[in-house]
Amino acid sequence: MASGREFSEQWIAAWNARDLEAVLSHYAADAVFLSPLAQRRLGDGRVVGVESLRAYWAAGLAAVPDLKFTLESVLEGHRCLTILYRNQLGTLVAETMEFDDSGQVARSFACYG
């Protein structure tokens, strides 16, 4: 796996390019994503599996045409990292990702300031 900083820069660049397939390439087929935005949009804050993530994030990209993330900081842990970034509204977001044995994101948690 790339360094935490390198991974984070690639992840942010994929979002900013609106390249959903590049974003999804980082995630395991059975990845789990937890988010309060998913709770509001779907009625459940838990999105499971790449196909569900594809549908959820495609709808999000369509709803937010000016989406832009600015990397603030990267915190590295054991088989995990937290990416601190600001979105197009200036909101501080912390996204913590846990990696599986193959270096794919297995679980991800988004928290908003």
PDB file of N, CA and C in Angstrom:
ATOM      1  N   MET A   1       0.837  -1.185   0.000  1.00  0.00           N
ATOM      2  CA  MET A   1       0.000   0.000   0.000  1.00  0.00           C
ATOM      3  C   MET A   1       0.879   1.244   0.000  1.00  0.00           C
ATOM      4  N   ALA A   2       0.386   2.292  -0.619  1.00  0.00           N
ATOM      5  CA  ALA A   2       1.091   3.574  -0.639  1.00  0.00           C
ATOM      6  C   ALA A   2       1.143   4.136   0.780  1.00  0.00           C
ATOM      7  N   SER A   3       1.996   5.118   0.997  1.00  0.00           N
ATOM      8  CA  SER A   3       2.026   5.783   2.299  1.00  0.00           C
ATOM      9  C   SER A   3       0.660   6.423   2.541  1.00  0.00           C
ATOM     10  N   GLY A   4       0.381   6.716   3.792  1.00  0.00           N
ATOM     11  CA  GLY A   4      -0.889   7.356   4.125  1.00  0.00           C
ATOM     12  C   GLY A   4      -1.086   8.666   3.394  1.00  0.00           C
ATOM     13  N   ARG A   5      -0.033   9.439   3.292  1.00  0.00           N
ATOM     14  CA  ARG A   5      -0.120  10.730   2.593  1.00  0.00           C
ATOM     15  C   ARG A   5      -0.382  10.521   1.101  1.00  0.00           C
ATOM     16  N   GLU A   6       0.353   9.593   0.508  1.00  0.00           N
ATOM     17  CA  GLU A   6       0.194   9.315  -0.918  1.00  0.00           C
ATOM     18  C   GLU A   6      -1.223   8.788  -1.216  1.00  0.00           C
ATOM     19  N   PHE A   7      -1.690   7.846  -0.391  1.00  0.00           N
ATOM     20  CA  PHE A   7      -3.041   7.323  -0.551  1.00  0.00           C
ATOM     21  C   PHE A   7      -4.054   8.467  -0.461  1.00  0.00           C
ATOM     22  N   SER A   8      -3.905   9.307   0.542  1.00  0.00           N
ATOM     23  CA  SER A   8      -4.852  10.406   0.767  1.00  0.00           C
ATOM     24  C   SER A   8      -4.874  11.388  -0.404  1.00  0.00           C
ATOM     25  N   GLU A   9      -3.706  11.702  -0.925  1.00  0.00           N
ATOM     26  CA  GLU A   9      -3.633  12.614  -2.073  1.00  0.00           C
ATOM     27  C   GLU A   9      -4.315  12.006  -3.297  1.00  0.00           C
ATOM     28  N   GLN A  10      -4.115  10.700  -3.521  1.00  0.00           N
ATOM     29  CA  GLN A  10      -4.768  10.012  -4.647  1.00  0.00           C
ATOM     30  C   GLN A  10      -6.281   9.985  -4.453  1.00  0.00           C
ATOM     31  N   TRP A  11      -6.719   9.718  -3.238  1.00  0.00           N
ATOM     32  CA  TRP A  11      -8.137   9.629  -2.917  1.00  0.00           C
ATOM     33  C   TRP A  11      -8.821  10.981  -3.129  1.00  0.00           C
ATOM     34  N   ILE A  12      -8.188  12.045  -2.612  1.00  0.00           N
ATOM     35  CA  ILE A  12      -8.723  13.414  -2.784  1.00  0.00           C
ATOM     36  C   ILE A  12      -8.749  13.784  -4.268  1.00  0.00           C
ATOM     37  N   ALA A  13      -7.677  13.480  -4.993  1.00  0.00           N
ATOM     38  CA  ALA A  13      -7.609  13.809  -6.424  1.00  0.00           C
ATOM     39  C   ALA A  13      -8.713  13.090  -7.199  1.00  0.00           C
ATOM     40  N   ALA A  14      -8.989  11.836  -6.855  1.00  0.00           N
ATOM     41  CA  ALA A  14     -10.053  11.089  -7.533  1.00  0.00           C
ATOM     42  C   ALA A  14     -11.410  11.738  -7.284  1.00  0.00           C
ATOM     43  N   TRP A  15     -11.663  12.135  -6.042  1.00  0.00           N
ATOM     44  CA  TRP A  15     -12.924  12.837  -5.753  1.00  0.00           C
ATOM     45  C   TRP A  15     -13.009  14.155  -6.519  1.00  0.00           C
ATOM     46  N   ASN A  16     -11.936  14.928  -6.482  1.00  0.00           N
ATOM     47  CA  ASN A  16     -11.958  16.231  -7.144  1.00  0.00           C
ATOM     48  C   ASN A  16     -12.091  16.113  -8.658  1.00  0.00           C
ATOM     49  N   ALA A  17     -11.629  15.008  -9.219  1.00  0.00           N
ATOM     50  CA  ALA A  17     -11.791  14.751 -10.655  1.00  0.00           C
ATOM     51  C   ALA A  17     -13.169  14.151 -10.951  1.00  0.00           C
ATOM     52  N   ARG A  18     -13.936  13.879  -9.889  1.00  0.00           N
ATOM     53  CA  ARG A  18     -15.259  13.268 -10.021  1.00  0.00           C
ATOM     54  C   ARG A  18     -15.150  11.901 -10.715  1.00  0.00           C
ATOM     55  N   ASP A  19     -14.045  11.213 -10.440  1.00  0.00           N
ATOM     56  CA  ASP A  19     -13.765   9.912 -11.041  1.00  0.00           C
ATOM     57  C   ASP A  19     -14.178   8.819 -10.058  1.00  0.00           C
ATOM     58  N   LEU A  20     -15.449   8.471 -10.107  1.00  0.00           N
ATOM     59  CA  LEU A  20     -15.997   7.522  -9.146  1.00  0.00           C
ATOM     60  C   LEU A  20     -15.307   6.165  -9.203  1.00  0.00           C
ATOM     61  N   GLU A  21     -14.964   5.714 -10.386  1.00  0.00           N
ATOM     62  CA  GLU A  21     -14.282   4.413 -10.490  1.00  0.00           C
ATOM     63  C   GLU A  21     -12.903   4.455  -9.824  1.00  0.00           C
ATOM     64  N   ALA A  22     -12.208   5.573  -9.935  1.00  0.00           N
ATOM     65  CA  ALA A  22     -10.909   5.714  -9.255  1.00  0.00           C
ATOM     66  C   ALA A  22     -11.103   5.717  -7.742  1.00  0.00           C
ATOM     67  N   VAL A  23     -12.139   6.381  -7.262  1.00  0.00           N
ATOM     68  CA  VAL A  23     -12.435   6.366  -5.819  1.00  0.00           C
ATOM     69  C   VAL A  23     -12.709   4.933  -5.386  1.00  0.00           C
ATOM     70  N   LEU A  24     -13.611   4.265  -6.096  1.00  0.00           N
ATOM     71  CA  LEU A  24     -14.018   2.906  -5.725  1.00  0.00           C
ATOM     72  C   LEU A  24     -12.883   1.901  -5.816  1.00  0.00           C
ATOM     73  N   SER A  25     -11.877   2.167  -6.628  1.00  0.00           N
ATOM     74  CA  SER A  25     -10.752   1.238  -6.770  1.00  0.00           C
ATOM     75  C   SER A  25     -10.003   1.036  -5.456  1.00  0.00           C
ATOM     76  N   HIS A  26     -10.202   1.918  -4.499  1.00  0.00           N
ATOM     77  CA  HIS A  26      -9.536   1.818  -3.199  1.00  0.00           C
ATOM     78  C   HIS A  26     -10.291   0.915  -2.220  1.00  0.00           C
ATOM     79  N   TYR A  27     -11.501   0.505  -2.573  1.00  0.00           N
ATOM     80  CA  TYR A  27     -12.389  -0.178  -1.626  1.00  0.00           C
ATOM     81  C   TYR A  27     -12.540  -1.659  -1.937  1.00  0.00           C
ATOM     82  N   ALA A  28     -12.593  -2.468  -0.885  1.00  0.00           N
ATOM     83  CA  ALA A  28     -12.853  -3.902  -1.020  1.00  0.00           C
ATOM     84  C   ALA A  28     -14.298  -4.105  -1.478  1.00  0.00           C
ATOM     85  N   ALA A  29     -14.551  -5.236  -2.118  1.00  0.00           N
ATOM     86  CA  ALA A  29     -15.890  -5.527  -2.646  1.00  0.00           C
ATOM     87  C   ALA A  29     -16.968  -5.470  -1.563  1.00  0.00           C
ATOM     88  N   ASP A  30     -16.612  -5.854  -0.341  1.00  0.00           N
ATOM     89  CA  ASP A  30     -17.581  -5.883   0.756  1.00  0.00           C
ATOM     90  C   ASP A  30     -17.362  -4.752   1.764  1.00  0.00           C
ATOM     91  N   ALA A  31     -16.763  -3.652   1.313  1.00  0.00           N
ATOM     92  CA  ALA A  31     -16.466  -2.520   2.193  1.00  0.00           C
ATOM     93  C   ALA A  31     -17.736  -1.994   2.869  1.00  0.00           C
ATOM     94  N   VAL A  32     -17.546  -1.486   4.076  1.00  0.00           N
ATOM     95  CA  VAL A  32     -18.631  -0.885   4.854  1.00  0.00           C
ATOM     96  C   VAL A  32     -18.291   0.577   5.066  1.00  0.00           C
ATOM     97  N   PHE A  33     -19.265   1.455   4.792  1.00  0.00           N
ATOM     98  CA  PHE A  33     -19.092   2.903   4.951  1.00  0.00           C
ATOM     99  C   PHE A  33     -20.166   3.408   5.900  1.00  0.00           C
ATOM    100  N   LEU A  34     -19.757   4.142   6.935  1.00  0.00           N
ATOM    101  CA  LEU A  34     -20.683   4.720   7.908  1.00  0.00           C
ATOM    102  C   LEU A  34     -20.625   6.240   7.809  1.00  0.00           C
ATOM    103  N   SER A  35     -21.807   6.866   7.702  1.00  0.00           N
ATOM    104  CA  SER A  35     -21.841   8.310   7.524  1.00  0.00           C
ATOM    105  C   SER A  35     -23.182   8.889   7.974  1.00  0.00           C
ATOM    106  N   PRO A  36     -23.151  10.030   8.664  1.00  0.00           N
ATOM    107  CA  PRO A  36     -24.413  10.684   9.005  1.00  0.00           C
ATOM    108  C   PRO A  36     -25.139  11.208   7.762  1.00  0.00           C
ATOM    109  N   LEU A  37     -24.406  11.510   6.682  1.00  0.00           N
ATOM    110  CA  LEU A  37     -25.053  11.911   5.431  1.00  0.00           C
ATOM    111  C   LEU A  37     -25.838  10.746   4.844  1.00  0.00           C
ATOM    112  N   ALA A  38     -25.280   9.544   4.902  1.00  0.00           N
ATOM    113  CA  ALA A  38     -26.000   8.359   4.434  1.00  0.00           C
ATOM    114  C   ALA A  38     -27.259   8.160   5.272  1.00  0.00           C
ATOM    115  N   GLN A  39     -27.173   8.422   6.559  1.00  0.00           N
ATOM    116  CA  GLN A  39     -28.346   8.304   7.437  1.00  0.00           C
ATOM    117  C   GLN A  39     -29.455   9.234   6.960  1.00  0.00           C
ATOM    118  N   ARG A  40     -29.091  10.479   6.625  1.00  0.00           N
ATOM    119  CA  ARG A  40     -30.096  11.452   6.166  1.00  0.00           C
ATOM    120  C   ARG A  40     -30.632  11.098   4.778  1.00  0.00           C
ATOM    121  N   ARG A  41     -29.749  10.691   3.881  1.00  0.00           N
ATOM    122  CA  ARG A  41     -30.160  10.434   2.489  1.00  0.00           C
ATOM    123  C   ARG A  41     -30.864   9.093   2.297  1.00  0.00           C
ATOM    124  N   LEU A  42     -30.421   8.074   3.037  1.00  0.00           N
ATOM    125  CA  LEU A  42     -30.926   6.723   2.812  1.00  0.00           C
ATOM    126  C   LEU A  42     -31.791   6.190   3.947  1.00  0.00           C
ATOM    127  N   GLY A  43     -31.757   6.873   5.086  1.00  0.00           N
ATOM    128  CA  GLY A  43     -32.471   6.353   6.240  1.00  0.00           C
ATOM    129  C   GLY A  43     -31.655   5.341   7.026  1.00  0.00           C
ATOM    130  N   ASP A  44     -30.462   5.065   6.547  1.00  0.00           N
ATOM    131  CA  ASP A  44     -29.542   4.137   7.218  1.00  0.00           C
ATOM    132  C   ASP A  44     -28.146   4.697   7.015  1.00  0.00           C
ATOM    133  N   GLY A  45     -27.398   4.846   8.059  1.00  0.00           N
ATOM    134  CA  GLY A  45     -26.063   5.420   7.975  1.00  0.00           C
ATOM    135  C   GLY A  45     -24.993   4.440   7.565  1.00  0.00           C
ATOM    136  N   ARG A  46     -25.402   3.259   7.176  1.00  0.00           N
ATOM    137  CA  ARG A  46     -24.459   2.181   6.827  1.00  0.00           C
ATOM    138  C   ARG A  46     -24.668   1.790   5.368  1.00  0.00           C
ATOM    139  N   VAL A  47     -23.606   1.917   4.562  1.00  0.00           N
ATOM    140  CA  VAL A  47     -23.644   1.517   3.155  1.00  0.00           C
ATOM    141  C   VAL A  47     -22.668   0.343   3.014  1.00  0.00           C
ATOM    142  N   VAL A  48     -23.144  -0.783   2.474  1.00  0.00           N
ATOM    143  CA  VAL A  48     -22.336  -2.001   2.442  1.00  0.00           C
ATOM    144  C   VAL A  48     -22.141  -2.470   1.001  1.00  0.00           C
ATOM    145  N   GLY A  49     -20.870  -2.669   0.631  1.00  0.00           N
ATOM    146  CA  GLY A  49     -20.528  -3.214  -0.673  1.00  0.00           C
ATOM    147  C   GLY A  49     -20.244  -2.144  -1.712  1.00  0.00           C
ATOM    148  N   VAL A  50     -19.344  -2.470  -2.629  1.00  0.00           N
ATOM    149  CA  VAL A  50     -18.920  -1.513  -3.655  1.00  0.00           C
ATOM    150  C   VAL A  50     -20.084  -1.075  -4.543  1.00  0.00           C
ATOM    151  N   GLU A  51     -20.979  -1.992  -4.884  1.00  0.00           N
ATOM    152  CA  GLU A  51     -22.097  -1.607  -5.747  1.00  0.00           C
ATOM    153  C   GLU A  51     -23.015  -0.615  -5.042  1.00  0.00           C
ATOM    154  N   SER A  52     -23.254  -0.797  -3.757  1.00  0.00           N
ATOM    155  CA  SER A  52     -24.056   0.158  -2.993  1.00  0.00           C
ATOM    156  C   SER A  52     -23.324   1.482  -2.851  1.00  0.00           C
ATOM    157  N   LEU A  53     -22.006   1.420  -2.646  1.00  0.00           N
ATOM    158  CA  LEU A  53     -21.219   2.658  -2.588  1.00  0.00           C
ATOM    159  C   LEU A  53     -21.277   3.398  -3.920  1.00  0.00           C
ATOM    160  N   ARG A  54     -21.174   2.663  -5.021  1.00  0.00           N
ATOM    161  CA  ARG A  54     -21.236   3.279  -6.352  1.00  0.00           C
ATOM    162  C   ARG A  54     -22.555   4.052  -6.513  1.00  0.00           C
ATOM    163  N   ALA A  55     -23.658   3.431  -6.177  1.00  0.00           N
ATOM    164  CA  ALA A  55     -24.970   4.077  -6.307  1.00  0.00           C
ATOM    165  C   ALA A  55     -25.089   5.276  -5.380  1.00  0.00           C
ATOM    166  N   TYR A  56     -24.656   5.111  -4.135  1.00  0.00           N
ATOM    167  CA  TYR A  56     -24.747   6.198  -3.151  1.00  0.00           C
ATOM    168  C   TYR A  56     -23.881   7.386  -3.557  1.00  0.00           C
ATOM    169  N   TRP A  57     -22.630   7.126  -3.916  1.00  0.00           N
ATOM    170  CA  TRP A  57     -21.731   8.226  -4.261  1.00  0.00           C
ATOM    171  C   TRP A  57     -22.058   8.841  -5.622  1.00  0.00           C
ATOM    172  N   ALA A  58     -22.574   8.060  -6.567  1.00  0.00           N
ATOM    173  CA  ALA A  58     -22.995   8.631  -7.858  1.00  0.00           C
ATOM    174  C   ALA A  58     -24.119   9.634  -7.623  1.00  0.00           C
ATOM    175  N   ALA A  59     -25.060   9.296  -6.768  1.00  0.00           N
ATOM    176  CA  ALA A  59     -26.148  10.221  -6.439  1.00  0.00           C
ATOM    177  C   ALA A  59     -25.597  11.467  -5.735  1.00  0.00           C
ATOM    178  N   GLY A  60     -24.614  11.277  -4.867  1.00  0.00           N
ATOM    179  CA  GLY A  60     -23.994  12.407  -4.179  1.00  0.00           C
ATOM    180  C   GLY A  60     -23.268  13.337  -5.136  1.00  0.00           C
ATOM    181  N   LEU A  61     -22.528  12.769  -6.081  1.00  0.00           N
ATOM    182  CA  LEU A  61     -21.831  13.592  -7.077  1.00  0.00           C
ATOM    183  C   LEU A  61     -22.825  14.361  -7.941  1.00  0.00           C
ATOM    184  N   ALA A  62     -23.937  13.730  -8.285  1.00  0.00           N
ATOM    185  CA  ALA A  62     -24.962  14.409  -9.087  1.00  0.00           C
ATOM    186  C   ALA A  62     -25.601  15.551  -8.305  1.00  0.00           C
ATOM    187  N   ALA A  63     -25.754  15.366  -6.990  1.00  0.00           N
ATOM    188  CA  ALA A  63     -26.405  16.374  -6.149  1.00  0.00           C
ATOM    189  C   ALA A  63     -25.480  17.531  -5.782  1.00  0.00           C
ATOM    190  N   VAL A  64     -24.167  17.318  -5.889  1.00  0.00           N
ATOM    191  CA  VAL A  64     -23.191  18.344  -5.482  1.00  0.00           C
ATOM    192  C   VAL A  64     -22.230  18.590  -6.638  1.00  0.00           C
ATOM    193  N   PRO A  65     -22.648  19.388  -7.630  1.00  0.00           N
ATOM    194  CA  PRO A  65     -21.803  19.597  -8.811  1.00  0.00           C
ATOM    195  C   PRO A  65     -20.496  20.347  -8.523  1.00  0.00           C
ATOM    196  N   ASP A  66     -20.458  21.087  -7.413  1.00  0.00           N
ATOM    197  CA  ASP A  66     -19.245  21.847  -7.082  1.00  0.00           C
ATOM    198  C   ASP A  66     -18.382  21.149  -6.032  1.00  0.00           C
ATOM    199  N   LEU A  67     -18.582  19.844  -5.838  1.00  0.00           N
ATOM    200  CA  LEU A  67     -17.816  19.098  -4.838  1.00  0.00           C
ATOM    201  C   LEU A  67     -16.316  19.323  -5.020  1.00  0.00           C
ATOM    202  N   LYS A  68     -15.663  19.635  -3.911  1.00  0.00           N
ATOM    203  CA  LYS A  68     -14.211  19.824  -3.922  1.00  0.00           C
ATOM    204  C   LYS A  68     -13.703  19.563  -2.523  1.00  0.00           C
ATOM    205  N   PHE A  69     -12.649  18.751  -2.433  1.00  0.00           N
ATOM    206  CA  PHE A  69     -12.027  18.446  -1.158  1.00  0.00           C
ATOM    207  C   PHE A  69     -10.633  19.063  -1.132  1.00  0.00           C
ATOM    208  N   THR A  70     -10.283  19.614   0.013  1.00  0.00           N
ATOM    209  CA  THR A  70      -8.946  20.173   0.235  1.00  0.00           C
ATOM    210  C   THR A  70      -8.313  19.437   1.408  1.00  0.00           C
ATOM    211  N   LEU A  71      -7.213  18.765   1.153  1.00  0.00           N
ATOM    212  CA  LEU A  71      -6.537  17.976   2.179  1.00  0.00           C
ATOM    213  C   LEU A  71      -5.952  18.882   3.250  1.00  0.00           C
ATOM    214  N   GLU A  72      -6.256  18.567   4.498  1.00  0.00           N
ATOM    215  CA  GLU A  72      -5.731  19.311   5.650  1.00  0.00           C
ATOM    216  C   GLU A  72      -4.607  18.542   6.335  1.00  0.00           C
ATOM    217  N   SER A  73      -4.846  17.252   6.599  1.00  0.00           N
ATOM    218  CA  SER A  73      -3.869  16.471   7.347  1.00  0.00           C
ATOM    219  C   SER A  73      -4.164  14.984   7.183  1.00  0.00           C
ATOM    220  N   VAL A  74      -3.149  14.179   7.446  1.00  0.00           N
ATOM    221  CA  VAL A  74      -3.282  12.724   7.398  1.00  0.00           C
ATOM    222  C   VAL A  74      -2.732  12.166   8.704  1.00  0.00           C
ATOM    223  N   LEU A  75      -3.517  11.349   9.363  1.00  0.00           N
ATOM    224  CA  LEU A  75      -3.101  10.696  10.600  1.00  0.00           C
ATOM    225  C   LEU A  75      -3.028   9.204  10.317  1.00  0.00           C
ATOM    226  N   GLU A  76      -1.878   8.603  10.572  1.00  0.00           N
ATOM    227  CA  GLU A  76      -1.680   7.190  10.263  1.00  0.00           C
ATOM    228  C   GLU A  76      -1.709   6.343  11.521  1.00  0.00           C
ATOM    229  N   GLY A  77      -2.327   5.176  11.394  1.00  0.00           N
ATOM    230  CA  GLY A  77      -2.387   4.213  12.481  1.00  0.00           C
ATOM    231  C   GLY A  77      -1.994   2.844  11.981  1.00  0.00           C
ATOM    232  N   HIS A  78      -2.285   1.831  12.772  1.00  0.00           N
ATOM    233  CA  HIS A  78      -2.005   0.447  12.372  1.00  0.00           C
ATOM    234  C   HIS A  78      -3.111  -0.030  11.448  1.00  0.00           C
ATOM    235  N   ARG A  79      -2.782  -0.252  10.153  1.00  0.00           N
ATOM    236  CA  ARG A  79      -3.749  -0.695   9.147  1.00  0.00           C
ATOM    237  C   ARG A  79      -4.950   0.237   9.019  1.00  0.00           C
ATOM    238  N   CYS A  80      -4.729   1.503   9.344  1.00  0.00           N
ATOM    239  CA  CYS A  80      -5.793   2.486   9.206  1.00  0.00           C
ATOM    240  C   CYS A  80      -5.180   3.875   9.063  1.00  0.00           C
ATOM    241  N   LEU A  81      -6.006   4.802   8.606  1.00  0.00           N
ATOM    242  CA  LEU A  81      -5.592   6.192   8.572  1.00  0.00           C
ATOM    243  C   LEU A  81      -6.827   7.068   8.652  1.00  0.00           C
ATOM    244  N   THR A  82      -6.603   8.308   9.071  1.00  0.00           N
ATOM    245  CA  THR A  82      -7.659   9.309   9.094  1.00  0.00           C
ATOM    246  C   THR A  82      -7.231  10.446   8.191  1.00  0.00           C
ATOM    247  N   ILE A  83      -8.107  10.773   7.243  1.00  0.00           N
ATOM    248  CA  ILE A  83      -7.877  11.892   6.337  1.00  0.00           C
ATOM    249  C   ILE A  83      -8.726  13.057   6.841  1.00  0.00           C
ATOM    250  N   LEU A  84      -8.075  14.158   7.154  1.00  0.00           N
ATOM    251  CA  LEU A  84      -8.780  15.382   7.529  1.00  0.00           C
ATOM    252  C   LEU A  84      -8.803  16.284   6.310  1.00  0.00           C
ATOM    253  N   TYR A  85      -9.991  16.685   5.898  1.00  0.00           N
ATOM    254  CA  TYR A  85     -10.112  17.546   4.724  1.00  0.00           C
ATOM    255  C   TYR A  85     -11.288  18.493   4.896  1.00  0.00           C
ATOM    256  N   ARG A  86     -11.315  19.505   4.067  1.00  0.00           N
ATOM    257  CA  ARG A  86     -12.453  20.423   4.017  1.00  0.00           C
ATOM    258  C   ARG A  86     -13.184  20.190   2.711  1.00  0.00           C
ATOM    259  N   ASN A  87     -14.510  20.246   2.782  1.00  0.00           N
ATOM    260  CA  ASN A  87     -15.291  20.097   1.559  1.00  0.00           C
ATOM    261  C   ASN A  87     -15.574  21.474   0.943  1.00  0.00           C
ATOM    262  N   GLN A  88     -16.349  21.500  -0.122  1.00  0.00           N
ATOM    263  CA  GLN A  88     -16.618  22.731  -0.848  1.00  0.00           C
ATOM    264  C   GLN A  88     -17.324  23.781   0.005  1.00  0.00           C
ATOM    265  N   LEU A  89     -17.937  23.399   1.110  1.00  0.00           N
ATOM    266  CA  LEU A  89     -18.596  24.339   2.013  1.00  0.00           C
ATOM    267  C   LEU A  89     -17.656  24.848   3.107  1.00  0.00           C
ATOM    268  N   GLY A  90     -16.441  24.300   3.136  1.00  0.00           N
ATOM    269  CA  GLY A  90     -15.486  24.658   4.186  1.00  0.00           C
ATOM    270  C   GLY A  90     -15.640  23.821   5.436  1.00  0.00           C
ATOM    271  N   THR A  91     -16.524  22.837   5.403  1.00  0.00           N
ATOM    272  CA  THR A  91     -16.759  21.967   6.550  1.00  0.00           C
ATOM    273  C   THR A  91     -15.570  21.027   6.733  1.00  0.00           C
ATOM    274  N   LEU A  92     -15.105  20.918   7.975  1.00  0.00           N
ATOM    275  CA  LEU A  92     -14.032  19.986   8.287  1.00  0.00           C
ATOM    276  C   LEU A  92     -14.607  18.578   8.364  1.00  0.00           C
ATOM    277  N   VAL A  93     -13.966  17.645   7.660  1.00  0.00           N
ATOM    278  CA  VAL A  93     -14.405  16.255   7.619  1.00  0.00           C
ATOM    279  C   VAL A  93     -13.228  15.367   8.023  1.00  0.00           C
ATOM    280  N   ALA A  94     -13.513  14.382   8.848  1.00  0.00           N
ATOM    281  CA  ALA A  94     -12.522  13.355   9.195  1.00  0.00           C
ATOM    282  C   ALA A  94     -13.050  12.034   8.665  1.00  0.00           C
ATOM    283  N   GLU A  95     -12.270  11.398   7.810  1.00  0.00           N
ATOM    284  CA  GLU A  95     -12.661  10.094   7.296  1.00  0.00           C
ATOM    285  C   GLU A  95     -11.591   9.098   7.712  1.00  0.00           C
ATOM    286  N   THR A  96     -12.011   8.143   8.517  1.00  0.00           N
ATOM    287  CA  THR A  96     -11.101   7.108   9.003  1.00  0.00           C
ATOM    288  C   THR A  96     -11.349   5.836   8.209  1.00  0.00           C
ATOM    289  N   MET A  97     -10.271   5.247   7.720  1.00  0.00           N
ATOM    290  CA  MET A  97     -10.345   4.055   6.884  1.00  0.00           C
ATOM    291  C   MET A  97      -9.519   2.946   7.498  1.00  0.00           C
ATOM    292  N   GLU A  98     -10.108   1.775   7.541  1.00  0.00           N
ATOM    293  CA  GLU A  98      -9.408   0.570   7.997  1.00  0.00           C
ATOM    294  C   GLU A  98      -9.140  -0.289   6.766  1.00  0.00           C
ATOM    295  N   PHE A  99      -7.921  -0.788   6.635  1.00  0.00           N
ATOM    296  CA  PHE A  99      -7.507  -1.545   5.456  1.00  0.00           C
ATOM    297  C   PHE A  99      -7.477  -3.037   5.730  1.00  0.00           C
ATOM    298  N   ASP A 100      -7.839  -3.820   4.718  1.00  0.00           N
ATOM    299  CA  ASP A 100      -7.769  -5.277   4.827  1.00  0.00           C
ATOM    300  C   ASP A 100      -6.361  -5.754   4.459  1.00  0.00           C
ATOM    301  N   ASP A 101      -6.169  -7.065   4.412  1.00  0.00           N
ATOM    302  CA  ASP A 101      -4.853  -7.641   4.138  1.00  0.00           C
ATOM    303  C   ASP A 101      -4.315  -7.277   2.756  1.00  0.00           C
ATOM    304  N   SER A 102      -5.210  -6.975   1.812  1.00  0.00           N
ATOM    305  CA  SER A 102      -4.764  -6.640   0.453  1.00  0.00           C
ATOM    306  C   SER A 102      -4.560  -5.141   0.248  1.00  0.00           C
ATOM    307  N   GLY A 103      -4.740  -4.353   1.319  1.00  0.00           N
ATOM    308  CA  GLY A 103      -4.531  -2.918   1.213  1.00  0.00           C
ATOM    309  C   GLY A 103      -5.741  -2.152   0.719  1.00  0.00           C
ATOM    310  N   GLN A 104      -6.895  -2.808   0.643  1.00  0.00           N
ATOM    311  CA  GLN A 104      -8.143  -2.161   0.235  1.00  0.00           C
ATOM    312  C   GLN A 104      -8.866  -1.647   1.487  1.00  0.00           C
ATOM    313  N   VAL A 105      -9.672  -0.607   1.311  1.00  0.00           N
ATOM    314  CA  VAL A 105     -10.464  -0.094   2.424  1.00  0.00           C
ATOM    315  C   VAL A 105     -11.567  -1.114   2.730  1.00  0.00           C
ATOM    316  N   ALA A 106     -11.572  -1.606   3.966  1.00  0.00           N
ATOM    317  CA  ALA A 106     -12.582  -2.563   4.424  1.00  0.00           C
ATOM    318  C   ALA A 106     -13.719  -1.850   5.143  1.00  0.00           C
ATOM    319  N   ARG A 107     -13.366  -0.820   5.922  1.00  0.00           N
ATOM    320  CA  ARG A 107     -14.359  -0.028   6.662  1.00  0.00           C
ATOM    321  C   ARG A 107     -13.931   1.429   6.611  1.00  0.00           C
ATOM    322  N   SER A 108     -14.927   2.288   6.528  1.00  0.00           N
ATOM    323  CA  SER A 108     -14.661   3.718   6.476  1.00  0.00           C
ATOM    324  C   SER A 108     -15.729   4.451   7.266  1.00  0.00           C
ATOM    325  N   PHE A 109     -15.309   5.454   8.021  1.00  0.00           N
ATOM    326  CA  PHE A 109     -16.211   6.216   8.871  1.00  0.00           C
ATOM    327  C   PHE A 109     -16.023   7.701   8.566  1.00  0.00           C
ATOM    328  N   ALA A 110     -17.082   8.385   8.170  1.00  0.00           N
ATOM    329  CA  ALA A 110     -17.016   9.820   7.904  1.00  0.00           C
ATOM    330  C   ALA A 110     -17.657  10.579   9.066  1.00  0.00           C
ATOM    331  N   CYS A 111     -16.939  11.588   9.563  1.00  0.00           N
ATOM    332  CA  CYS A 111     -17.446  12.434  10.649  1.00  0.00           C
ATOM    333  C   CYS A 111     -17.282  13.885  10.214  1.00  0.00           C
ATOM    334  N   TYR A 112     -18.288  14.702  10.494  1.00  0.00           N
ATOM    335  CA  TYR A 112     -18.323  16.087  10.001  1.00  0.00           C
ATOM    336  C   TYR A 112     -18.283  17.069  11.161  1.00  0.00           C
ATOM    337  N   GLY A 113     -17.524  18.171  10.938  1.00  0.00           N
ATOM    338  CA  GLY A 113     -17.418  19.221  11.941  1.00  0.00           C
ATOM    339  C   GLY A 113     -18.606  20.152  11.868  1.00  0.00           C
TER     340      GLY A 113
END
